[in-house]
Amino acid sequence: MSKPRSDNPNPRGKPPSTRDDAPVHGGEEASAPPVAEKTPMKRLTFDISADLHKRIRLACVQNDVDMAVEIRRLLLERFPK
């Protein structure tokens, strides 16, 4: 059974996606940024304490940064190419 759909298409108030494959809303075509080479992505799942999650979430909200983006930045900083 699927979850009922909310009337709000953006319930968390996240900024619009800048991905090339993101849907464009409205009648006008948005000007697309230059097409960059797409990097293959893999999902990484791990458990952290509720307290650490809360600290990360609060810091990201205060700095207006997406949690996933910030965690990717930290991982790249620790494991550079």
Protein backbone atom coordinates (compact mmCIF):
# COMPACT_ATOMS: atom_id res chain seq x y z
CA MET A 1 0.00 0.00 0.00
CA SER A 2 1.42 3.42 -0.93
CA LYS A 3 1.46 6.51 1.25
CA PRO A 4 -1.24 9.09 0.56
CA ARG A 5 0.12 12.06 -1.38
CA SER A 6 0.28 15.39 0.37
CA ASP A 7 -1.25 18.46 -1.28
CA ASN A 8 2.08 20.26 -0.84
CA PRO A 9 4.57 19.14 -3.53
CA ASN A 10 7.48 20.45 -1.40
CA PRO A 11 6.57 19.69 2.25
CA ARG A 12 10.09 20.27 3.61
CA GLY A 13 10.53 23.58 1.79
CA LYS A 14 13.75 22.46 0.08
CA PRO A 15 15.07 24.72 -2.67
CA PRO A 16 14.30 23.64 -6.23
CA SER A 17 16.62 21.03 -7.69
CA THR A 18 19.32 22.15 -10.11
CA ARG A 19 19.67 18.71 -11.68
CA ASP A 20 19.38 18.50 -15.45
CA ASP A 21 16.65 15.86 -15.18
CA ALA A 22 14.56 17.79 -12.64
CA PRO A 23 11.06 18.65 -13.78
CA VAL A 24 10.47 22.24 -14.85
CA HIS A 25 7.27 23.72 -13.41
CA GLY A 26 5.28 26.43 -15.09
CA GLY A 27 4.70 27.30 -18.71
CA GLU A 28 8.10 28.88 -19.38
CA GLU A 29 11.19 26.85 -20.12
CA ALA A 30 13.93 27.55 -17.57
CA SER A 31 17.39 28.43 -18.81
CA ALA A 32 19.46 25.33 -18.13
CA PRO A 33 22.99 25.56 -16.78
CA PRO A 34 25.77 24.19 -18.99
CA VAL A 35 25.55 20.42 -19.18
CA ALA A 36 28.24 18.88 -17.01
CA GLU A 37 29.40 15.30 -17.17
CA LYS A 38 27.20 13.29 -14.84
CA THR A 39 28.96 11.44 -12.06
CA PRO A 40 27.62 7.95 -11.32
CA MET A 41 26.17 7.87 -7.81
CA LYS A 42 25.97 5.12 -5.18
CA ARG A 43 23.81 5.12 -2.06
CA LEU A 44 25.57 4.80 1.30
CA THR A 45 23.48 3.84 4.32
CA PHE A 46 24.76 3.77 7.89
CA ASP A 47 23.47 4.36 11.40
CA ILE A 48 24.39 7.34 13.58
CA SER A 49 23.15 8.34 17.01
CA ALA A 50 20.01 10.44 17.24
CA ASP A 51 22.03 13.15 19.00
CA LEU A 52 24.61 13.34 16.19
CA HIS A 53 21.84 13.42 13.56
CA LYS A 54 20.16 16.29 15.41
CA ARG A 55 23.43 18.27 15.61
CA ILE A 56 24.10 17.78 11.90
CA ARG A 57 20.51 18.70 10.97
CA LEU A 58 20.53 21.84 13.13
CA ALA A 59 23.89 22.99 11.76
CA CYS A 60 22.66 22.48 8.19
CA VAL A 61 19.43 24.38 8.85
CA GLN A 62 21.37 27.26 10.45
CA ASN A 63 23.72 27.42 7.46
CA ASP A 64 20.92 26.84 4.91
CA VAL A 65 22.74 23.78 3.51
CA ASP A 66 21.27 20.45 2.45
CA MET A 67 22.44 17.64 4.78
CA ALA A 68 23.43 15.33 1.92
CA VAL A 69 25.48 18.07 0.26
CA GLU A 70 27.27 18.87 3.52
CA ILE A 71 28.04 15.21 4.28
CA ARG A 72 29.36 14.70 0.73
CA ARG A 73 31.60 17.77 1.20
CA LEU A 74 32.96 16.37 4.48
CA LEU A 75 33.65 12.97 2.90
CA LEU A 76 35.43 14.56 -0.07
CA GLU A 77 37.50 16.65 2.31
CA ARG A 78 38.57 13.51 4.21
CA PHE A 79 38.99 11.34 1.09
CA PRO A 80 40.26 13.60 -1.71
CA LYS A 81 40.85 12.25 -5.23
